[in-house]
Protein backbone atom coordinates (compact mmCIF):
# COMPACT_ATOMS: atom_id res chain seq x y z
CA MET A 1 70.84 136.80 54.79
CA GLY A 2 70.66 133.16 53.80
CA ARG A 3 73.53 130.75 53.93
CA ARG A 4 75.79 130.31 50.93
CA LYS A 5 75.22 127.27 48.80
CA ARG A 6 77.00 124.21 50.14
CA ARG A 7 79.56 122.46 47.95
CA GLN A 8 77.89 119.16 48.59
CA LYS A 9 74.62 118.28 50.21
CA PHE A 10 75.04 116.32 53.41
CA HIS A 11 72.64 114.37 55.58
CA ALA A 12 73.59 113.07 59.00
CA GLN A 13 74.88 109.54 58.78
CA PRO A 14 76.00 107.05 61.43
CA ALA A 15 79.71 106.81 62.03
CA GLN A 16 81.51 104.65 59.52
CA THR A 17 83.22 101.49 60.59
CA ALA A 18 86.84 101.66 61.65
CA GLN A 19 87.99 100.13 58.39
CA ALA A 20 85.90 102.44 56.23
CA ALA A 21 86.88 105.57 58.15
CA ALA A 22 90.59 105.09 57.72
CA PRO A 23 92.06 107.39 55.05
CA THR A 24 93.27 105.68 51.94
CA GLY A 25 96.82 105.89 50.69
CA SER A 26 99.93 104.24 52.06
CA ASN A 27 101.58 107.61 52.67
CA SER A 28 99.12 108.68 55.36
CA PRO A 29 101.14 109.40 58.51
CA LEU A 30 100.21 107.60 61.72
CA MET A 31 101.32 109.31 64.91
CA PHE A 32 100.16 106.78 67.49
CA ARG A 33 100.04 103.00 67.39
CA PHE A 34 98.10 100.63 69.60
CA GLY A 35 99.19 97.19 70.65
CA ASP A 36 102.94 97.63 71.14
CA PRO A 37 104.16 98.27 74.71
CA ASP A 38 106.05 101.44 73.77
CA PRO A 39 107.16 104.04 76.34
CA VAL A 40 105.63 107.51 76.33
CA LEU A 41 108.99 109.15 75.63
CA GLY A 42 109.62 107.32 72.36
CA ASN A 43 111.59 110.08 70.59
CA ASP A 44 109.11 109.98 67.72
CA LEU A 45 109.23 112.73 65.10
CA SER A 46 105.65 113.67 65.85
CA ASP A 47 106.65 114.41 69.45
CA TYR A 48 108.43 117.50 68.15
CA LEU A 49 106.49 118.59 65.06
CA GLY A 50 102.86 118.06 66.10
CA THR A 51 99.98 117.53 63.66
CA PHE A 52 100.54 117.05 59.92
CA LEU A 53 98.48 117.69 56.81
CA GLU A 54 97.31 114.57 54.98
CA PRO A 55 99.62 114.16 51.95
CA HIS A 56 96.74 113.69 49.48
CA GLY A 57 94.13 115.92 51.10
CA ASP A 58 93.43 119.36 52.49
CA TYR A 59 92.88 118.32 56.10
CA TYR A 60 94.99 117.61 59.18
CA VAL A 61 95.62 114.04 60.33
CA PRO A 62 94.80 113.57 64.03
CA PRO A 63 97.92 112.96 66.16
CA ILE A 64 96.22 109.92 67.71
CA SER A 65 94.65 107.16 65.64
CA GLN A 66 90.90 107.69 65.89
CA THR A 67 90.23 104.15 64.72
CA GLY A 68 92.63 102.84 67.36
CA LEU A 69 90.81 104.70 70.13
CA VAL A 70 87.46 103.29 69.01
CA ASN A 71 88.79 99.74 68.67
CA LEU A 72 90.33 100.03 72.12
CA LEU A 73 86.83 100.04 73.60
CA GLY A 74 86.59 96.31 72.93
CA ALA A 75 89.82 95.49 74.74
CA ASN A 76 88.51 95.65 78.29
CA ALA A 77 85.12 95.24 79.93
CA HIS A 78 85.33 98.36 82.08
CA HIS A 79 87.01 100.61 79.53
CA GLY A 80 84.35 99.63 77.00
CA THR A 81 81.34 100.36 79.23
CA ILE A 82 82.34 103.43 81.28
CA PRO A 83 81.97 105.83 78.30
CA TYR A 84 78.39 104.62 77.90
CA PHE A 85 77.80 105.24 81.61
CA LYS A 86 79.11 108.79 81.27
CA ARG A 87 76.93 109.28 78.20
CA ASN A 88 73.87 108.07 80.10
CA MET A 89 74.59 110.47 82.97
CA LEU A 90 74.79 113.34 80.51
CA ARG A 91 71.48 112.44 78.89
CA LYS A 92 69.75 111.64 82.18
CA TRP A 93 69.78 115.23 83.45
CA TYR A 94 69.25 116.93 80.08
CA LEU A 95 66.05 118.91 79.53
CA PRO A 96 64.78 117.96 76.04
CA ASN A 97 65.07 120.77 73.53
CA ASP A 98 64.09 120.88 69.87
CA ALA A 99 67.28 122.78 69.12
CA LEU A 100 69.39 119.80 70.27
CA LYS A 101 67.86 116.35 70.53
CA PRO A 102 68.88 114.17 73.51
CA ASP A 103 70.41 111.54 71.21
CA ASP A 104 72.56 114.15 69.48
CA LEU A 105 73.83 115.40 72.83
CA ALA A 106 74.44 111.87 74.12
CA ASN A 107 76.35 110.78 71.01
CA ALA A 108 78.45 113.93 71.11
CA GLY A 109 79.20 113.28 74.78
CA PHE A 110 80.35 109.79 73.92
CA ASP A 111 82.66 111.11 71.18
CA HIS A 112 84.07 113.74 73.53
CA SER A 113 84.86 111.13 76.20
CA VAL A 114 86.41 108.56 73.84
CA LEU A 115 88.11 110.73 71.21
CA GLY A 116 88.59 113.98 73.06
CA HIS A 117 86.46 116.05 70.66
CA CYS A 118 82.95 116.20 69.21
CA TYR A 119 81.20 118.03 66.37
CA PHE A 120 77.84 119.60 65.59
CA GLN A 121 76.43 120.79 62.30
CA VAL A 122 74.53 124.08 62.48
CA VAL A 123 71.27 123.63 60.54
CA TYR A 124 69.69 126.87 59.25
CA ASN A 125 66.20 127.63 58.00
CA HIS A 126 65.42 129.48 54.78
CA PHE A 127 65.88 132.84 56.54
CA GLY A 128 69.41 132.05 57.71
CA GLN A 129 68.32 131.52 61.32
CA VAL A 130 69.63 128.65 63.44
CA LEU A 131 67.07 125.86 63.38
CA ARG A 132 68.90 123.14 65.33
CA LEU A 133 72.27 121.57 66.05
CA GLN A 134 72.96 118.09 64.66
CA HIS A 135 75.63 115.69 65.87
CA LEU A 136 78.36 114.70 63.43
CA PRO A 137 80.32 111.46 64.07
CA ALA A 138 83.77 112.53 65.29
CA LEU A 139 85.50 109.40 63.99
CA ASN A 140 85.30 110.69 60.42
CA MET A 141 85.58 114.45 61.02
CA ARG A 142 88.76 116.32 60.03
CA ARG A 143 89.92 119.95 60.37
CA MET A 144 90.81 121.48 57.03
CA LYS A 145 93.65 123.88 56.23
CA GLU A 146 91.44 126.94 56.33
CA ALA A 147 90.34 128.22 59.71
CA ASP A 148 86.85 127.18 60.76
CA ARG A 149 86.56 124.64 57.93
CA TYR A 150 85.84 120.95 58.45
CA CYS A 151 85.20 117.92 56.29
CA MET A 152 83.89 114.40 56.78
CA LEU A 153 85.75 111.40 55.37
CA ARG A 154 83.82 108.90 53.27
CA PRO A 155 84.60 105.23 52.54
CA ASN A 156 85.90 103.70 49.33
CA GLY A 157 88.21 106.58 48.53
CA ASN A 158 85.40 109.04 47.79
CA SER A 159 86.11 112.72 48.22
CA PRO A 160 85.36 114.08 51.71
CA VAL A 161 82.17 116.01 52.36
CA GLU A 162 83.24 119.63 52.87
CA PHE A 163 81.35 122.06 55.09
CA GLU A 164 81.11 125.82 54.75
CA PRO A 165 82.97 128.10 57.20
CA GLY A 166 81.05 128.35 60.47
CA GLU A 167 78.80 125.40 59.63
CA VAL A 168 80.51 123.00 62.07
CA ILE A 169 81.05 123.53 65.80
CA GLN A 170 83.97 121.69 67.39
CA LEU A 171 84.23 121.08 71.13
CA LYS A 172 87.51 119.58 72.27
CA GLU A 173 89.73 118.78 75.22
CA TYR A 174 92.84 120.89 75.54
CA ASP A 175 96.07 119.38 74.18
CA PRO A 176 99.24 121.37 74.95
CA LYS A 177 101.04 119.85 71.94
CA GLN A 178 98.54 121.00 69.30
CA GLN A 179 95.31 122.99 69.11
CA ILE A 180 93.61 121.36 66.14
CA TYR A 181 92.16 118.23 67.70
CA GLY A 182 91.28 117.21 71.24
CA ARG A 183 93.11 114.74 73.42
CA PRO A 184 91.20 112.15 75.51
CA GLN A 185 91.95 112.26 79.20
CA TYR A 186 92.55 108.54 79.66
CA LEU A 187 95.57 108.09 77.38
CA GLY A 188 97.87 107.44 80.33
CA GLY A 189 95.99 104.22 81.08
CA VAL A 190 96.03 102.69 77.60
CA GLN A 191 98.80 100.24 78.49
CA SER A 192 96.79 99.00 81.49
CA VAL A 193 93.80 98.40 79.22
CA LEU A 194 95.96 96.35 76.86
CA LEU A 195 97.61 94.47 79.75
CA ASN A 196 94.17 93.51 81.02
CA GLU A 197 93.27 92.26 77.55
CA ASP A 198 96.56 90.37 77.15
CA SER A 199 96.12 88.55 80.45
CA THR A 200 92.60 87.48 79.49
CA LEU A 201 93.68 86.29 76.04
CA PHE A 202 96.60 84.38 77.53
CA ARG A 203 94.32 82.55 79.93
CA ARG A 204 91.80 81.82 77.18
CA ARG A 205 94.48 80.34 74.93
CA TYR A 206 95.72 78.20 77.80
CA TYR A 207 92.31 76.63 78.38
CA ARG A 208 91.47 76.44 74.70
CA ASN A 209 94.44 74.59 73.29
CA GLY A 210 95.17 72.34 76.29
CA ALA A 211 98.55 71.44 74.74
CA HIS A 212 100.81 73.38 77.09
CA MET A 213 103.92 71.96 78.73
CA GLY A 214 103.00 72.26 82.38
CA TYR A 215 105.11 69.32 83.64
CA ILE A 216 107.79 66.77 82.79
CA PHE A 217 106.63 63.14 82.86
CA TYR A 218 109.72 61.27 84.08
CA THR A 219 110.19 57.48 84.21
CA ALA A 220 113.29 55.61 85.42
CA ASP A 221 112.48 51.95 85.86
CA PRO A 222 114.20 49.15 83.93
CA SER A 223 111.15 46.93 84.34
CA LEU A 224 109.12 49.25 82.10
CA ASN A 225 109.03 47.42 78.77
CA PRO A 226 108.79 49.21 75.37
CA GLU A 227 105.15 48.23 74.92
CA ASP A 228 104.14 49.84 78.22
CA GLU A 229 106.27 52.88 77.45
CA LYS A 230 104.55 53.28 74.10
CA LEU A 231 101.13 52.93 75.72
CA ILE A 232 101.93 55.61 78.32
CA LYS A 233 103.13 57.93 75.55
CA GLU A 234 99.86 57.46 73.65
CA LYS A 235 97.79 58.17 76.76
CA VAL A 236 99.71 61.37 77.47
CA GLN A 237 99.17 62.55 73.90
CA GLN A 238 95.46 61.75 74.12
CA SER A 239 95.15 63.92 77.23
CA LYS A 240 95.95 67.07 75.22
CA GLY A 241 93.41 69.20 73.47
CA VAL A 242 90.18 70.97 74.34
CA GLY A 243 88.38 69.41 77.29
CA ASN A 244 90.90 66.57 77.66
CA PHE A 245 92.35 67.22 81.11
CA ARG A 246 92.26 63.60 82.31
CA SER A 247 93.78 61.43 85.02
CA MET A 248 95.87 58.36 84.23
CA TYR A 249 96.57 55.24 86.28
CA ILE A 250 99.98 53.50 85.99
CA ASN A 251 100.97 50.21 87.63
CA ILE A 252 104.57 48.99 87.27
CA PRO A 253 105.18 45.54 88.77
CA ASN A 254 108.26 45.47 90.99
CA GLY A 255 108.64 49.22 90.50
CA LYS A 256 110.74 51.27 92.86
CA GLU A 257 110.20 54.57 94.63
CA LYS A 258 110.28 57.48 92.20
CA SER A 259 110.11 55.16 89.21
CA VAL A 260 107.54 57.59 87.81
CA GLN A 261 107.67 61.29 88.63
CA ILE A 262 105.63 64.32 87.60
CA ILE A 263 107.93 67.38 87.71
CA PRO A 264 105.94 70.65 87.32
CA VAL A 265 107.66 73.35 85.30
CA GLY A 266 104.91 75.94 84.90
CA ASP A 267 101.82 75.81 87.08
CA ILE A 268 99.57 78.32 85.38
CA ALA A 269 96.85 77.90 87.95
CA THR A 270 98.91 79.30 90.83
CA LYS A 271 101.96 81.12 89.50
CA ASP A 272 100.91 83.41 86.68
CA GLU A 273 99.25 85.94 89.04
CA PHE A 274 96.31 86.21 86.67
CA GLU A 275 93.92 87.56 89.26
CA ARG A 276 96.45 90.10 90.55
CA VAL A 277 97.18 91.40 87.05
CA LYS A 278 93.46 91.67 86.30
CA ASN A 279 92.73 93.54 89.52
CA LEU A 280 95.64 95.97 89.22
CA SER A 281 94.95 96.79 85.58
CA ARG A 282 91.23 97.15 86.35
CA ASN A 283 92.04 99.65 89.10
CA ASP A 284 94.13 101.63 86.61
CA VAL A 285 91.21 101.69 84.18
CA LEU A 286 88.82 102.95 86.86
CA ALA A 287 91.33 105.58 87.94
CA MET A 288 91.92 106.86 84.41
CA TRP A 289 88.16 107.33 84.01
CA ARG A 290 87.85 108.75 87.56
CA ILE A 291 84.91 106.53 88.44
CA GLN A 292 84.18 104.74 91.70
CA PRO A 293 84.12 100.91 91.62
CA ALA A 294 80.57 100.93 92.96
CA LEU A 295 79.43 102.80 89.82
CA ALA A 296 81.43 100.57 87.47
CA GLY A 297 79.83 97.25 88.41
CA VAL A 298 82.82 95.98 90.43
CA MET A 299 82.05 93.45 93.14
CA PRO A 300 83.42 94.47 96.57
CA GLU A 301 86.13 92.25 98.00
CA ASN A 302 85.03 92.77 101.60
CA SER A 303 81.79 92.47 103.52
CA GLY A 304 81.62 96.22 104.09
CA GLY A 305 81.22 96.98 100.39
CA PHE A 306 82.10 100.38 98.93
CA GLY A 307 80.10 102.56 101.32
CA ASP A 308 77.01 104.72 100.86
CA ILE A 309 76.08 104.55 97.19
CA GLU A 310 74.03 107.77 97.45
CA LYS A 311 77.04 109.74 98.70
CA ILE A 312 79.20 108.20 95.97
CA SER A 313 76.62 109.20 93.35
CA ARG A 314 76.45 112.73 94.74
CA VAL A 315 80.22 113.19 94.61
CA TYR A 316 80.37 111.75 91.10
CA TYR A 317 77.61 114.08 89.93
CA GLU A 318 79.34 117.15 91.35
CA ASN A 319 82.85 116.25 90.19
CA GLU A 320 82.20 114.60 86.83
CA VAL A 321 78.66 115.11 85.52
CA ILE A 322 78.49 118.88 86.04
CA PRO A 323 81.89 119.49 84.36
CA MET A 324 80.78 117.32 81.45
CA GLN A 325 77.62 119.41 81.14
CA ASP A 326 79.77 122.56 81.13
CA VAL A 327 81.62 121.23 78.08
CA PHE A 328 78.47 121.84 76.02
CA ALA A 329 77.68 125.27 77.46
CA PRO A 330 79.37 127.05 74.48
CA LEU A 331 76.62 125.67 72.24
CA ASN A 332 74.26 128.27 73.71
CA GLU A 333 76.25 130.97 71.93
CA TYR A 334 74.82 129.64 68.65
CA LEU A 335 71.23 129.14 69.84
CA PRO A 336 68.60 131.88 70.00
CA ALA A 337 67.02 132.99 73.27
CA GLY A 338 64.40 130.60 74.54
CA ARG A 339 66.03 127.60 72.85
CA LYS A 340 69.25 127.29 74.81
CA ILE A 341 70.17 123.93 76.30
CA LYS A 342 69.62 123.37 80.03
CA PHE A 343 70.13 120.57 82.53
CA MET A 344 68.07 119.53 85.53
CA GLN A 345 69.34 119.89 89.08
CA PRO A 346 68.66 116.60 90.93
CA GLN A 347 67.69 117.60 94.47
CA ASP A 348 68.37 114.15 95.92
CA LEU A 349 72.01 114.39 94.80
CA THR A 350 72.80 118.09 95.25
CA ASP A 351 71.28 118.48 98.71
CA GLY A 352 73.60 117.68 101.58
């Protein structure tokens, strides 16, 4: 029997931008904010009630801002590139199949890593048989009130694209607080990602503006006349700004010891622990993604390096790549015999 007629024809489209994907309406609830250093136990109402229906729609609002999770990828170099590395590992060992193209699998793997869930549209032929599975961008996908019903948000306040029951497959991480959307595994390290970004932005602003108060210029000599004092003041002011870190020579005739003193009050170069903050927050980011530094492009701090890269790759494949492949095993329940998805077994990594 053929499929029922869809309410609205849909063709796969790339994910909308963060601004376009956000639901319109000022009454849309937001359960999770990025940017503020808030504690996990914030006594928020959503901590007790879970996921809500969108006030002006027929779908559930994700408990975590999907746009915030996507924007967070640009906050840190490692957090922004590791999901692509995981995606590449998933696609690397995939055996191409017409029922699921490698790009569709890779994009779904990226969504699953970053957002905690991914979606596929089941495409049927004229006889009602499964033709292929097509990736749907998770950023814009929403679960509707009815069971097994999903819709895709559209920009500019247009009505969502609604899918028929059973037309969309959702794969998600388990969340003990709600069972509608998935929960990304790295949420515990979000504050470290933002701390890493804050430390970088602070250092950039310091070098960019060049108008910080890093010292007190102190003079105590009666022989310093007003003209010389004015000239010194002008030279100090001229030393501020981008690229204007300059030295200045002062000669006071008949001056005494300590007539001119430079009293440091904030030595950013040695006392802000920039490197320590960057290293500690980077280690948190690597830990939350469970990836070895050698695979994340981190330079070793000792001459011994990180060890045997082949053994590291083997352990990563067994502990991370295979479980990620298993996430997509349920797709075979929808595919006919002879067209099920399979992955290669790399002998150089699996052999002891």
